[in-house]
Amino acid sequence: MANILIVDDSRTSRRILRGILEEDGHTIIGEAKNGQEGYDLYKQFEPDLVTMDITMPILTGVEALKKIKEEYPDSKIIMVSAAGQQHNMIEAVQNGAAEFISKPFEVDAIKKVVKGVLES
């Protein structure tokens, strides 16, 4: 199973994702409230996978994705988006996002996406 970093400015979203991922056997090695914190924790722990919210303060998810990918080209980052973020999703894919999951979260979809990205 994987070591996963959750980056989301919503405490509720982090809690829900943590529950789903831990139930699936993964270890949550850290949680960050913004893109800068996410980047710093990535450097510290080098997790197997990151779930990265798109809309966050300080550094957006896309900005944090770019910084992580620049230094760690093999990093696996799944972007988390709410409805209506099509433009951001396209930019994230162009910058190396592995996949997307949408809010509100669907348990089976999240497990399937995480499994697929980890196996790729």
PDB file of N, CA and C in Angstrom:
ATOM      1  N   MET A   1       0.835  -1.189   0.000  1.00  0.00           N
ATOM      2  CA  MET A   1       0.000   0.000   0.000  1.00  0.00           C
ATOM      3  C   MET A   1       0.882   1.256   0.000  1.00  0.00           C
ATOM      4  N   ALA A   2       0.265   2.378  -0.237  1.00  0.00           N
ATOM      5  CA  ALA A   2       1.041   3.590  -0.505  1.00  0.00           C
ATOM      6  C   ALA A   2       1.085   4.571   0.662  1.00  0.00           C
ATOM      7  N   ASN A   3       2.153   5.380   0.674  1.00  0.00           N
ATOM      8  CA  ASN A   3       2.243   6.531   1.568  1.00  0.00           C
ATOM      9  C   ASN A   3       1.686   7.724   0.805  1.00  0.00           C
ATOM     10  N   ILE A   4       0.652   8.352   1.358  1.00  0.00           N
ATOM     11  CA  ILE A   4      -0.066   9.404   0.637  1.00  0.00           C
ATOM     12  C   ILE A   4      -0.065  10.709   1.423  1.00  0.00           C
ATOM     13  N   LEU A   5       0.111  11.809   0.683  1.00  0.00           N
ATOM     14  CA  LEU A   5       0.034  13.156   1.226  1.00  0.00           C
ATOM     15  C   LEU A   5      -1.263  13.784   0.723  1.00  0.00           C
ATOM     16  N   ILE A   6      -2.052  14.340   1.641  1.00  0.00           N
ATOM     17  CA  ILE A   6      -3.308  15.002   1.284  1.00  0.00           C
ATOM     18  C   ILE A   6      -3.110  16.513   1.393  1.00  0.00           C
ATOM     19  N   VAL A   7      -3.380  17.228   0.295  1.00  0.00           N
ATOM     20  CA  VAL A   7      -3.235  18.684   0.284  1.00  0.00           C
ATOM     21  C   VAL A   7      -4.595  19.294  -0.071  1.00  0.00           C
ATOM     22  N   ASP A   8      -5.213  19.946   0.903  1.00  0.00           N
ATOM     23  CA  ASP A   8      -6.543  20.539   0.694  1.00  0.00           C
ATOM     24  C   ASP A   8      -6.777  21.570   1.785  1.00  0.00           C
ATOM     25  N   ASP A   9      -7.314  22.730   1.418  1.00  0.00           N
ATOM     26  CA  ASP A   9      -7.549  23.759   2.435  1.00  0.00           C
ATOM     27  C   ASP A   9      -8.808  23.490   3.250  1.00  0.00           C
ATOM     28  N   SER A  10      -9.594  22.505   2.852  1.00  0.00           N
ATOM     29  CA  SER A  10     -10.803  22.154   3.593  1.00  0.00           C
ATOM     30  C   SER A  10     -10.528  21.006   4.557  1.00  0.00           C
ATOM     31  N   ARG A  11     -10.697  21.279   5.844  1.00  0.00           N
ATOM     32  CA  ARG A  11     -10.488  20.238   6.864  1.00  0.00           C
ATOM     33  C   ARG A  11     -11.431  19.062   6.624  1.00  0.00           C
ATOM     34  N   THR A  12     -12.662  19.368   6.233  1.00  0.00           N
ATOM     35  CA  THR A  12     -13.651  18.311   5.972  1.00  0.00           C
ATOM     36  C   THR A  12     -13.189  17.419   4.824  1.00  0.00           C
ATOM     37  N   SER A  13     -12.732  18.023   3.744  1.00  0.00           N
ATOM     38  CA  SER A  13     -12.249  17.230   2.603  1.00  0.00           C
ATOM     39  C   SER A  13     -11.070  16.355   3.003  1.00  0.00           C
ATOM     40  N   ARG A  14     -10.146  16.921   3.773  1.00  0.00           N
ATOM     41  CA  ARG A  14      -8.992  16.121   4.226  1.00  0.00           C
ATOM     42  C   ARG A  14      -9.458  14.937   5.060  1.00  0.00           C
ATOM     43  N   ARG A  15     -10.389  15.183   5.951  1.00  0.00           N
ATOM     44  CA  ARG A  15     -10.875  14.115   6.834  1.00  0.00           C
ATOM     45  C   ARG A  15     -11.559  13.009   6.021  1.00  0.00           C
ATOM     46  N   ILE A  16     -12.389  13.395   5.068  1.00  0.00           N
ATOM     47  CA  ILE A  16     -13.089  12.408   4.245  1.00  0.00           C
ATOM     48  C   ILE A  16     -12.092  11.585   3.429  1.00  0.00           C
ATOM     49  N   LEU A  17     -11.152  12.276   2.777  1.00  0.00           N
ATOM     50  CA  LEU A  17     -10.147  11.564   1.967  1.00  0.00           C
ATOM     51  C   LEU A  17      -9.307  10.635   2.831  1.00  0.00           C
ATOM     52  N   ARG A  18      -8.883  11.122   3.997  1.00  0.00           N
ATOM     53  CA  ARG A  18      -8.095  10.288   4.912  1.00  0.00           C
ATOM     54  C   ARG A  18      -8.858   8.997   5.239  1.00  0.00           C
ATOM     55  N   GLY A  19     -10.140   9.148   5.564  1.00  0.00           N
ATOM     56  CA  GLY A  19     -10.956   7.981   5.908  1.00  0.00           C
ATOM     57  C   GLY A  19     -11.033   6.974   4.774  1.00  0.00           C
ATOM     58  N   ILE A  20     -11.290   7.473   3.569  1.00  0.00           N
ATOM     59  CA  ILE A  20     -11.415   6.586   2.397  1.00  0.00           C
ATOM     60  C   ILE A  20     -10.089   5.880   2.119  1.00  0.00           C
ATOM     61  N   LEU A  21      -9.003   6.629   2.141  1.00  0.00           N
ATOM     62  CA  LEU A  21      -7.698   6.062   1.793  1.00  0.00           C
ATOM     63  C   LEU A  21      -7.177   5.103   2.859  1.00  0.00           C
ATOM     64  N   GLU A  22      -7.381   5.456   4.125  1.00  0.00           N
ATOM     65  CA  GLU A  22      -6.930   4.549   5.198  1.00  0.00           C
ATOM     66  C   GLU A  22      -7.756   3.265   5.191  1.00  0.00           C
ATOM     67  N   GLU A  23      -9.033   3.405   4.922  1.00  0.00           N
ATOM     68  CA  GLU A  23      -9.895   2.219   4.854  1.00  0.00           C
ATOM     69  C   GLU A  23      -9.420   1.285   3.747  1.00  0.00           C
ATOM     70  N   ASP A  24      -8.816   1.860   2.714  1.00  0.00           N
ATOM     71  CA  ASP A  24      -8.303   1.075   1.591  1.00  0.00           C
ATOM     72  C   ASP A  24      -6.883   0.555   1.864  1.00  0.00           C
ATOM     73  N   GLY A  25      -6.351   0.813   3.056  1.00  0.00           N
ATOM     74  CA  GLY A  25      -5.061   0.243   3.438  1.00  0.00           C
ATOM     75  C   GLY A  25      -3.861   1.160   3.263  1.00  0.00           C
ATOM     76  N   HIS A  26      -4.090   2.393   2.858  1.00  0.00           N
ATOM     77  CA  HIS A  26      -2.973   3.324   2.651  1.00  0.00           C
ATOM     78  C   HIS A  26      -2.607   4.042   3.950  1.00  0.00           C
ATOM     79  N   THR A  27      -1.403   4.617   3.969  1.00  0.00           N
ATOM     80  CA  THR A  27      -0.935   5.393   5.106  1.00  0.00           C
ATOM     81  C   THR A  27      -0.914   6.866   4.716  1.00  0.00           C
ATOM     82  N   ILE A  28      -1.542   7.699   5.529  1.00  0.00           N
ATOM     83  CA  ILE A  28      -1.504   9.137   5.281  1.00  0.00           C
ATOM     84  C   ILE A  28      -0.302   9.685   6.043  1.00  0.00           C
ATOM     85  N   ILE A  29       0.705  10.122   5.304  1.00  0.00           N
ATOM     86  CA  ILE A  29       1.947  10.566   5.959  1.00  0.00           C
ATOM     87  C   ILE A  29       1.916  12.041   6.305  1.00  0.00           C
ATOM     88  N   GLY A  30       0.929  12.757   5.789  1.00  0.00           N
ATOM     89  CA  GLY A  30       0.844  14.166   6.117  1.00  0.00           C
ATOM     90  C   GLY A  30      -0.370  14.811   5.481  1.00  0.00           C
ATOM     91  N   GLU A  31      -0.741  15.965   6.032  1.00  0.00           N
ATOM     92  CA  GLU A  31      -1.835  16.758   5.485  1.00  0.00           C
ATOM     93  C   GLU A  31      -1.360  18.197   5.415  1.00  0.00           C
ATOM     94  N   ALA A  32      -1.697  18.868   4.325  1.00  0.00           N
ATOM     95  CA  ALA A  32      -1.323  20.269   4.160  1.00  0.00           C
ATOM     96  C   ALA A  32      -2.563  21.091   3.838  1.00  0.00           C
ATOM     97  N   LYS A  33      -2.550  22.362   4.286  1.00  0.00           N
ATOM     98  CA  LYS A  33      -3.703  23.243   4.113  1.00  0.00           C
ATOM     99  C   LYS A  33      -3.586  24.165   2.907  1.00  0.00           C
ATOM    100  N   ASN A  34      -2.409  24.201   2.274  1.00  0.00           N
ATOM    101  CA  ASN A  34      -2.233  25.031   1.084  1.00  0.00           C
ATOM    102  C   ASN A  34      -1.111  24.445   0.229  1.00  0.00           C
ATOM    103  N   GLY A  35      -0.967  24.990  -0.970  1.00  0.00           N
ATOM    104  CA  GLY A  35       0.010  24.450  -1.909  1.00  0.00           C
ATOM    105  C   GLY A  35       1.446  24.548  -1.438  1.00  0.00           C
ATOM    106  N   GLN A  36       1.785  25.632  -0.742  1.00  0.00           N
ATOM    107  CA  GLN A  36       3.155  25.781  -0.253  1.00  0.00           C
ATOM    108  C   GLN A  36       3.470  24.723   0.794  1.00  0.00           C
ATOM    109  N   GLU A  37       2.532  24.517   1.712  1.00  0.00           N
ATOM    110  CA  GLU A  37       2.705  23.476   2.740  1.00  0.00           C
ATOM    111  C   GLU A  37       2.810  22.103   2.070  1.00  0.00           C
ATOM    112  N   GLY A  38       1.989  21.897   1.049  1.00  0.00           N
ATOM    113  CA  GLY A  38       2.019  20.622   0.327  1.00  0.00           C
ATOM    114  C   GLY A  38       3.377  20.378  -0.313  1.00  0.00           C
ATOM    115  N   TYR A  39       3.914  21.411  -0.926  1.00  0.00           N
ATOM    116  CA  TYR A  39       5.236  21.313  -1.554  1.00  0.00           C
ATOM    117  C   TYR A  39       6.303  21.006  -0.498  1.00  0.00           C
ATOM    118  N   ASP A  40       6.257  21.731   0.621  1.00  0.00           N
ATOM    119  CA  ASP A  40       7.238  21.518   1.691  1.00  0.00           C
ATOM    120  C   ASP A  40       7.158  20.099   2.245  1.00  0.00           C
ATOM    121  N   LEU A  41       5.934  19.603   2.458  1.00  0.00           N
ATOM    122  CA  LEU A  41       5.776  18.245   2.979  1.00  0.00           C
ATOM    123  C   LEU A  41       6.195  17.210   1.944  1.00  0.00           C
ATOM    124  N   TYR A  42       5.971  17.497   0.678  1.00  0.00           N
ATOM    125  CA  TYR A  42       6.422  16.565  -0.372  1.00  0.00           C
ATOM    126  C   TYR A  42       7.934  16.402  -0.291  1.00  0.00           C
ATOM    127  N   LYS A  43       8.646  17.532  -0.189  1.00  0.00           N
ATOM    128  CA  LYS A  43      10.114  17.480  -0.108  1.00  0.00           C
ATOM    129  C   LYS A  43      10.565  16.704   1.124  1.00  0.00           C
ATOM    130  N   GLN A  44       9.834  16.872   2.214  1.00  0.00           N
ATOM    131  CA  GLN A  44      10.205  16.214   3.469  1.00  0.00           C
ATOM    132  C   GLN A  44       9.982  14.696   3.416  1.00  0.00           C
ATOM    133  N   PHE A  45       8.838  14.270   2.850  1.00  0.00           N
ATOM    134  CA  PHE A  45       8.448  12.852   2.937  1.00  0.00           C
ATOM    135  C   PHE A  45       8.557  12.067   1.632  1.00  0.00           C
ATOM    136  N   GLU A  46       8.582  12.768   0.485  1.00  0.00           N
ATOM    137  CA  GLU A  46       8.555  12.118  -0.823  1.00  0.00           C
ATOM    138  C   GLU A  46       7.546  10.958  -0.866  1.00  0.00           C
ATOM    139  N   PRO A  47       6.272  11.272  -0.714  1.00  0.00           N
ATOM    140  CA  PRO A  47       5.231  10.237  -0.695  1.00  0.00           C
ATOM    141  C   PRO A  47       5.079   9.535  -2.044  1.00  0.00           C
ATOM    142  N   ASP A  48       4.410   8.391  -2.026  1.00  0.00           N
ATOM    143  CA  ASP A  48       4.146   7.637  -3.254  1.00  0.00           C
ATOM    144  C   ASP A  48       3.102   8.354  -4.104  1.00  0.00           C
ATOM    145  N   LEU A  49       2.230   9.112  -3.431  1.00  0.00           N
ATOM    146  CA  LEU A  49       1.108   9.729  -4.114  1.00  0.00           C
ATOM    147  C   LEU A  49       0.652  10.969  -3.358  1.00  0.00           C
ATOM    148  N   VAL A  50       0.143  11.945  -4.108  1.00  0.00           N
ATOM    149  CA  VAL A  50      -0.409  13.164  -3.503  1.00  0.00           C
ATOM    150  C   VAL A  50      -1.814  13.379  -4.044  1.00  0.00           C
ATOM    151  N   THR A  51      -2.758  13.732  -3.149  1.00  0.00           N
ATOM    152  CA  THR A  51      -4.033  14.262  -3.625  1.00  0.00           C
ATOM    153  C   THR A  51      -3.941  15.761  -3.405  1.00  0.00           C
ATOM    154  N   MET A  52      -4.186  16.531  -4.460  1.00  0.00           N
ATOM    155  CA  MET A  52      -3.945  17.975  -4.436  1.00  0.00           C
ATOM    156  C   MET A  52      -5.204  18.729  -4.859  1.00  0.00           C
ATOM    157  N   ASP A  53      -5.764  19.477  -3.922  1.00  0.00           N
ATOM    158  CA  ASP A  53      -6.900  20.331  -4.246  1.00  0.00           C
ATOM    159  C   ASP A  53      -6.419  21.407  -5.220  1.00  0.00           C
ATOM    160  N   ILE A  54      -7.298  21.871  -6.108  1.00  0.00           N
ATOM    161  CA  ILE A  54      -6.893  22.899  -7.070  1.00  0.00           C
ATOM    162  C   ILE A  54      -6.949  24.294  -6.462  1.00  0.00           C
ATOM    163  N   THR A  55      -8.051  24.616  -5.788  1.00  0.00           N
ATOM    164  CA  THR A  55      -8.256  25.971  -5.293  1.00  0.00           C
ATOM    165  C   THR A  55      -7.827  26.084  -3.831  1.00  0.00           C
ATOM    166  N   MET A  56      -6.655  26.708  -3.610  1.00  0.00           N
ATOM    167  CA  MET A  56      -6.129  26.868  -2.249  1.00  0.00           C
ATOM    168  C   MET A  56      -5.409  28.203  -2.142  1.00  0.00           C
ATOM    169  N   PRO A  57      -5.244  28.687  -0.895  1.00  0.00           N
ATOM    170  CA  PRO A  57      -4.488  29.929  -0.688  1.00  0.00           C
ATOM    171  C   PRO A  57      -2.977  29.718  -0.810  1.00  0.00           C
ATOM    172  N   ILE A  58      -2.254  30.796  -0.854  1.00  0.00           N
ATOM    173  CA  ILE A  58      -0.790  30.877  -0.902  1.00  0.00           C
ATOM    174  C   ILE A  58      -0.252  30.347  -2.239  1.00  0.00           C
ATOM    175  N   LEU A  59      -0.263  29.039  -2.421  1.00  0.00           N
ATOM    176  CA  LEU A  59       0.040  28.445  -3.727  1.00  0.00           C
ATOM    177  C   LEU A  59      -1.179  27.634  -4.120  1.00  0.00           C
ATOM    178  N   THR A  60      -1.672  27.809  -5.342  1.00  0.00           N
ATOM    179  CA  THR A  60      -2.794  26.976  -5.791  1.00  0.00           C
ATOM    180  C   THR A  60      -2.299  25.547  -6.014  1.00  0.00           C
ATOM    181  N   GLY A  61      -3.234  24.640  -6.195  1.00  0.00           N
ATOM    182  CA  GLY A  61      -2.864  23.259  -6.477  1.00  0.00           C
ATOM    183  C   GLY A  61      -2.044  23.136  -7.746  1.00  0.00           C
ATOM    184  N   VAL A  62      -2.418  23.899  -8.771  1.00  0.00           N
ATOM    185  CA  VAL A  62      -1.675  23.830 -10.039  1.00  0.00           C
ATOM    186  C   VAL A  62      -0.250  24.370  -9.859  1.00  0.00           C
ATOM    187  N   GLU A  63      -0.096  25.455  -9.105  1.00  0.00           N
ATOM    188  CA  GLU A  63       1.249  26.008  -8.854  1.00  0.00           C
ATOM    189  C   GLU A  63       2.105  25.012  -8.061  1.00  0.00           C
ATOM    190  N   ALA A  64       1.501  24.388  -7.060  1.00  0.00           N
ATOM    191  CA  ALA A  64       2.234  23.401  -6.258  1.00  0.00           C
ATOM    192  C   ALA A  64       2.598  22.190  -7.116  1.00  0.00           C
ATOM    193  N   LEU A  65       1.668  21.763  -7.969  1.00  0.00           N
ATOM    194  CA  LEU A  65       1.928  20.653  -8.893  1.00  0.00           C
ATOM    195  C   LEU A  65       3.159  20.964  -9.747  1.00  0.00           C
ATOM    196  N   LYS A  66       3.200  22.164 -10.313  1.00  0.00           N
ATOM    197  CA  LYS A  66       4.326  22.557 -11.170  1.00  0.00           C
ATOM    198  C   LYS A  66       5.647  22.504 -10.399  1.00  0.00           C
ATOM    199  N   LYS A  67       5.654  23.032  -9.162  1.00  0.00           N
ATOM    200  CA  LYS A  67       6.886  23.044  -8.354  1.00  0.00           C
ATOM    201  C   LYS A  67       7.346  21.624  -8.030  1.00  0.00           C
ATOM    202  N   ILE A  68       6.401  20.767  -7.647  1.00  0.00           N
ATOM    203  CA  ILE A  68       6.768  19.381  -7.304  1.00  0.00           C
ATOM    204  C   ILE A  68       7.278  18.657  -8.548  1.00  0.00           C
ATOM    205  N   LYS A  69       6.567  18.784  -9.660  1.00  0.00           N
ATOM    206  CA  LYS A  69       6.937  18.087 -10.896  1.00  0.00           C
ATOM    207  C   LYS A  69       8.306  18.542 -11.417  1.00  0.00           C
ATOM    208  N   GLU A  70       8.625  19.817 -11.207  1.00  0.00           N
ATOM    209  CA  GLU A  70       9.913  20.349 -11.644  1.00  0.00           C
ATOM    210  C   GLU A  70      11.062  19.617 -10.961  1.00  0.00           C
ATOM    211  N   GLU A  71      10.915  19.397  -9.648  1.00  0.00           N
ATOM    212  CA  GLU A  71      11.980  18.752  -8.880  1.00  0.00           C
ATOM    213  C   GLU A  71      11.852  17.238  -8.831  1.00  0.00           C
ATOM    214  N   TYR A  72      10.617  16.748  -8.937  1.00  0.00           N
ATOM    215  CA  TYR A  72      10.363  15.302  -8.834  1.00  0.00           C
ATOM    216  C   TYR A  72       9.494  14.880 -10.018  1.00  0.00           C
ATOM    217  N   PRO A  73      10.108  14.740 -11.199  1.00  0.00           N
ATOM    218  CA  PRO A  73       9.319  14.459 -12.402  1.00  0.00           C
ATOM    219  C   PRO A  73       8.501  13.170 -12.318  1.00  0.00           C
ATOM    220  N   ASP A  74       8.913  12.219 -11.489  1.00  0.00           N
ATOM    221  CA  ASP A  74       8.184  10.951 -11.382  1.00  0.00           C
ATOM    222  C   ASP A  74       7.079  10.982 -10.333  1.00  0.00           C
ATOM    223  N   SER A  75       6.878  12.126  -9.693  1.00  0.00           N
ATOM    224  CA  SER A  75       5.845  12.204  -8.657  1.00  0.00           C
ATOM    225  C   SER A  75       4.471  11.903  -9.249  1.00  0.00           C
ATOM    226  N   LYS A  76       3.615  11.294  -8.417  1.00  0.00           N
ATOM    227  CA  LYS A  76       2.253  10.958  -8.844  1.00  0.00           C
ATOM    228  C   LYS A  76       1.286  11.843  -8.071  1.00  0.00           C
ATOM    229  N   ILE A  77       0.605  12.720  -8.810  1.00  0.00           N
ATOM    230  CA  ILE A  77      -0.272  13.698  -8.185  1.00  0.00           C
ATOM    231  C   ILE A  77      -1.658  13.609  -8.798  1.00  0.00           C
ATOM    232  N   ILE A  78      -2.637  13.398  -7.930  1.00  0.00           N
ATOM    233  CA  ILE A  78      -4.038  13.363  -8.348  1.00  0.00           C
ATOM    234  C   ILE A  78      -4.664  14.682  -7.940  1.00  0.00           C
ATOM    235  N   MET A  79      -5.218  15.395  -8.898  1.00  0.00           N
ATOM    236  CA  MET A  79      -5.846  16.678  -8.607  1.00  0.00           C
ATOM    237  C   MET A  79      -7.282  16.463  -8.134  1.00  0.00           C
ATOM    238  N   VAL A  80      -7.679  17.266  -7.166  1.00  0.00           N
ATOM    239  CA  VAL A  80      -9.035  17.208  -6.621  1.00  0.00           C
ATOM    240  C   VAL A  80      -9.730  18.502  -7.040  1.00  0.00           C
ATOM    241  N   SER A  81     -10.871  18.349  -7.713  1.00  0.00           N
ATOM    242  CA  SER A  81     -11.524  19.558  -8.197  1.00  0.00           C
ATOM    243  C   SER A  81     -13.013  19.554  -7.914  1.00  0.00           C
ATOM    244  N   ALA A  82     -13.510  20.740  -7.673  1.00  0.00           N
ATOM    245  CA  ALA A  82     -14.955  20.927  -7.584  1.00  0.00           C
ATOM    246  C   ALA A  82     -15.463  21.189  -8.997  1.00  0.00           C
ATOM    247  N   ALA A  83     -16.748  21.155  -9.182  1.00  0.00           N
ATOM    248  CA  ALA A  83     -17.334  21.403 -10.494  1.00  0.00           C
ATOM    249  C   ALA A  83     -16.926  22.775 -11.011  1.00  0.00           C
ATOM    250  N   GLY A  84     -16.854  22.910 -12.325  1.00  0.00           N
ATOM    251  CA  GLY A  84     -16.598  24.200 -12.931  1.00  0.00           C
ATOM    252  C   GLY A  84     -15.143  24.620 -12.957  1.00  0.00           C
ATOM    253  N   GLN A  85     -14.226  23.662 -12.837  1.00  0.00           N
ATOM    254  CA  GLN A  85     -12.801  24.007 -12.857  1.00  0.00           C
ATOM    255  C   GLN A  85     -12.113  23.424 -14.092  1.00  0.00           C
ATOM    256  N   GLN A  86     -12.836  23.384 -15.200  1.00  0.00           N
ATOM    257  CA  GLN A  86     -12.337  22.782 -16.436  1.00  0.00           C
ATOM    258  C   GLN A  86     -10.992  23.381 -16.861  1.00  0.00           C
ATOM    259  N   HIS A  87     -10.895  24.699 -16.848  1.00  0.00           N
ATOM    260  CA  HIS A  87      -9.662  25.366 -17.270  1.00  0.00           C
ATOM    261  C   HIS A  87      -8.478  24.920 -16.403  1.00  0.00           C
ATOM    262  N   ASN A  88      -8.695  24.889 -15.095  1.00  0.00           N
ATOM    263  CA  ASN A  88      -7.628  24.468 -14.174  1.00  0.00           C
ATOM    264  C   ASN A  88      -7.241  23.019 -14.392  1.00  0.00           C
ATOM    265  N   MET A  89      -8.227  22.180 -14.704  1.00  0.00           N
ATOM    266  CA  MET A  89      -7.937  20.764 -14.922  1.00  0.00           C
ATOM    267  C   MET A  89      -7.060  20.581 -16.158  1.00  0.00           C
ATOM    268  N   ILE A  90      -7.368  21.320 -17.214  1.00  0.00           N
ATOM    269  CA  ILE A  90      -6.566  21.228 -18.437  1.00  0.00           C
ATOM    270  C   ILE A  90      -5.135  21.659 -18.143  1.00  0.00           C
ATOM    271  N   GLU A  91      -4.980  22.765 -17.430  1.00  0.00           N
ATOM    272  CA  GLU A  91      -3.644  23.252 -17.078  1.00  0.00           C
ATOM    273  C   GLU A  91      -2.901  22.221 -16.222  1.00  0.00           C
ATOM    274  N   ALA A  92      -3.616  21.587 -15.300  1.00  0.00           N
ATOM    275  CA  ALA A  92      -2.992  20.579 -14.433  1.00  0.00           C
ATOM    276  C   ALA A  92      -2.503  19.381 -15.242  1.00  0.00           C
ATOM    277  N   VAL A  93      -3.317  18.923 -16.185  1.00  0.00           N
ATOM    278  CA  VAL A  93      -2.919  17.793 -17.032  1.00  0.00           C
ATOM    279  C   VAL A  93      -1.682  18.159 -17.855  1.00  0.00           C
ATOM    280  N   GLN A  94      -1.669  19.366 -18.390  1.00  0.00           N
ATOM    281  CA  GLN A  94      -0.518  19.815 -19.184  1.00  0.00           C
ATOM    282  C   GLN A  94       0.746  19.873 -18.339  1.00  0.00           C
ATOM    283  N   ASN A  95       0.582  20.014 -17.034  1.00  0.00           N
ATOM    284  CA  ASN A  95       1.736  20.104 -16.142  1.00  0.00           C
ATOM    285  C   ASN A  95       2.014  18.814 -15.381  1.00  0.00           C
ATOM    286  N   GLY A  96       1.416  17.729 -15.811  1.00  0.00           N
ATOM    287  CA  GLY A  96       1.807  16.430 -15.285  1.00  0.00           C
ATOM    288  C   GLY A  96       0.899  15.774 -14.264  1.00  0.00           C
ATOM    289  N   ALA A  97      -0.308  16.311 -14.050  1.00  0.00           N
ATOM    290  CA  ALA A  97      -1.229  15.643 -13.121  1.00  0.00           C
ATOM    291  C   ALA A  97      -1.525  14.236 -13.645  1.00  0.00           C
ATOM    292  N   ALA A  98      -1.558  13.265 -12.748  1.00  0.00           N
ATOM    293  CA  ALA A  98      -1.783  11.881 -13.153  1.00  0.00           C
ATOM    294  C   ALA A  98      -3.260  11.602 -13.404  1.00  0.00           C
ATOM    295  N   GLU A  99      -4.137  12.224 -12.623  1.00  0.00           N
ATOM    296  CA  GLU A  99      -5.569  11.918 -12.673  1.00  0.00           C
ATOM    297  C   GLU A  99      -6.334  13.008 -11.962  1.00  0.00           C
ATOM    298  N   PHE A 100      -7.644  12.830 -11.938  1.00  0.00           N
ATOM    299  CA  PHE A 100      -8.546  13.756 -11.253  1.00  0.00           C
ATOM    300  C   PHE A 100      -9.553  13.012 -10.429  1.00  0.00           C
ATOM    301  N   ILE A 101      -9.919  13.568  -9.304  1.00  0.00           N
ATOM    302  CA  ILE A 101     -11.111  13.127  -8.584  1.00  0.00           C
ATOM    303  C   ILE A 101     -11.926  14.379  -8.301  1.00  0.00           C
ATOM    304  N   SER A 102     -13.233  14.210  -8.258  1.00  0.00           N
ATOM    305  CA  SER A 102     -14.129  15.356  -8.111  1.00  0.00           C
ATOM    306  C   SER A 102     -14.778  15.390  -6.748  1.00  0.00           C
ATOM    307  N   LYS A 103     -15.080  16.613  -6.338  1.00  0.00           N
ATOM    308  CA  LYS A 103     -15.915  16.804  -5.148  1.00  0.00           C
ATOM    309  C   LYS A 103     -17.337  16.986  -5.665  1.00  0.00           C
ATOM    310  N   PRO A 104     -18.343  16.498  -4.992  1.00  0.00           N
ATOM    311  CA  PRO A 104     -18.263  15.682  -3.768  1.00  0.00           C
ATOM    312  C   PRO A 104     -17.642  14.311  -4.062  1.00  0.00           C
ATOM    313  N   PHE A 105     -16.941  13.770  -3.073  1.00  0.00           N
ATOM    314  CA  PHE A 105     -16.200  12.528  -3.258  1.00  0.00           C
ATOM    315  C   PHE A 105     -17.112  11.313  -3.418  1.00  0.00           C
ATOM    316  N   GLU A 106     -16.714  10.437  -4.332  1.00  0.00           N
ATOM    317  CA  GLU A 106     -17.369   9.136  -4.476  1.00  0.00           C
ATOM    318  C   GLU A 106     -16.332   8.091  -4.102  1.00  0.00           C
ATOM    319  N   VAL A 107     -16.627   7.342  -3.060  1.00  0.00           N
ATOM    320  CA  VAL A 107     -15.665   6.397  -2.487  1.00  0.00           C
ATOM    321  C   VAL A 107     -15.075   5.454  -3.531  1.00  0.00           C
ATOM    322  N   ASP A 108     -15.927   4.784  -4.288  1.00  0.00           N
ATOM    323  CA  ASP A 108     -15.422   3.802  -5.258  1.00  0.00           C
ATOM    324  C   ASP A 108     -14.576   4.445  -6.341  1.00  0.00           C
ATOM    325  N   ALA A 109     -14.993   5.633  -6.779  1.00  0.00           N
ATOM    326  CA  ALA A 109     -14.229   6.338  -7.819  1.00  0.00           C
ATOM    327  C   ALA A 109     -12.836   6.689  -7.303  1.00  0.00           C
ATOM    328  N   ILE A 110     -12.754   7.159  -6.071  1.00  0.00           N
ATOM    329  CA  ILE A 110     -11.457   7.527  -5.490  1.00  0.00           C
ATOM    330  C   ILE A 110     -10.550   6.306  -5.387  1.00  0.00           C
ATOM    331  N   LYS A 111     -11.089   5.212  -4.870  1.00  0.00           N
ATOM    332  CA  LYS A 111     -10.279   3.998  -4.723  1.00  0.00           C
ATOM    333  C   LYS A 111      -9.774   3.521  -6.078  1.00  0.00           C
ATOM    334  N   LYS A 112     -10.627   3.589  -7.101  1.00  0.00           N
ATOM    335  CA  LYS A 112     -10.266   3.133  -8.434  1.00  0.00           C
ATOM    336  C   LYS A 112      -9.161   4.022  -9.028  1.00  0.00           C
ATOM    337  N   VAL A 113      -9.326   5.334  -8.914  1.00  0.00           N
ATOM    338  CA  VAL A 113      -8.330   6.272  -9.452  1.00  0.00           C
ATOM    339  C   VAL A 113      -6.983   6.091  -8.749  1.00  0.00           C
ATOM    340  N   VAL A 114      -6.998   6.011  -7.417  1.00  0.00           N
ATOM    341  CA  VAL A 114      -5.756   5.850  -6.652  1.00  0.00           C
ATOM    342  C   VAL A 114      -5.046   4.562  -7.060  1.00  0.00           C
ATOM    343  N   LYS A 115      -5.793   3.481  -7.156  1.00  0.00           N
ATOM    344  CA  LYS A 115      -5.220   2.181  -7.548  1.00  0.00           C
ATOM    345  C   LYS A 115      -4.597   2.288  -8.945  1.00  0.00           C
ATOM    346  N   GLY A 116      -5.331   2.899  -9.864  1.00  0.00           N
ATOM    347  CA  GLY A 116      -4.835   3.039 -11.238  1.00  0.00           C
ATOM    348  C   GLY A 116      -3.553   3.835 -11.324  1.00  0.00           C
ATOM    349  N   VAL A 117      -3.496   4.943 -10.587  1.00  0.00           N
ATOM    350  CA  VAL A 117      -2.303   5.803 -10.617  1.00  0.00           C
ATOM    351  C   VAL A 117      -1.117   5.084  -9.977  1.00  0.00           C
ATOM    352  N   LEU A 118      -1.349   4.388  -8.877  1.00  0.00           N
ATOM    353  CA  LEU A 118      -0.250   3.689  -8.200  1.00  0.00           C
ATOM    354  C   LEU A 118       0.297   2.562  -9.073  1.00  0.00           C
ATOM    355  N   GLU A 119      -0.551   1.951  -9.884  1.00  0.00           N
ATOM    356  CA  GLU A 119      -0.113   0.845 -10.734  1.00  0.00           C
ATOM    357  C   GLU A 119       0.525   1.320 -12.036  1.00  0.00           C
ATOM    358  N   SER A 120       0.372   2.599 -12.351  1.00  0.00           N
ATOM    359  CA  SER A 120       0.897   3.095 -13.633  1.00  0.00           C
ATOM    360  C   SER A 120       2.393   3.337 -13.580  1.00  0.00           C
TER     361      SER A 120
END
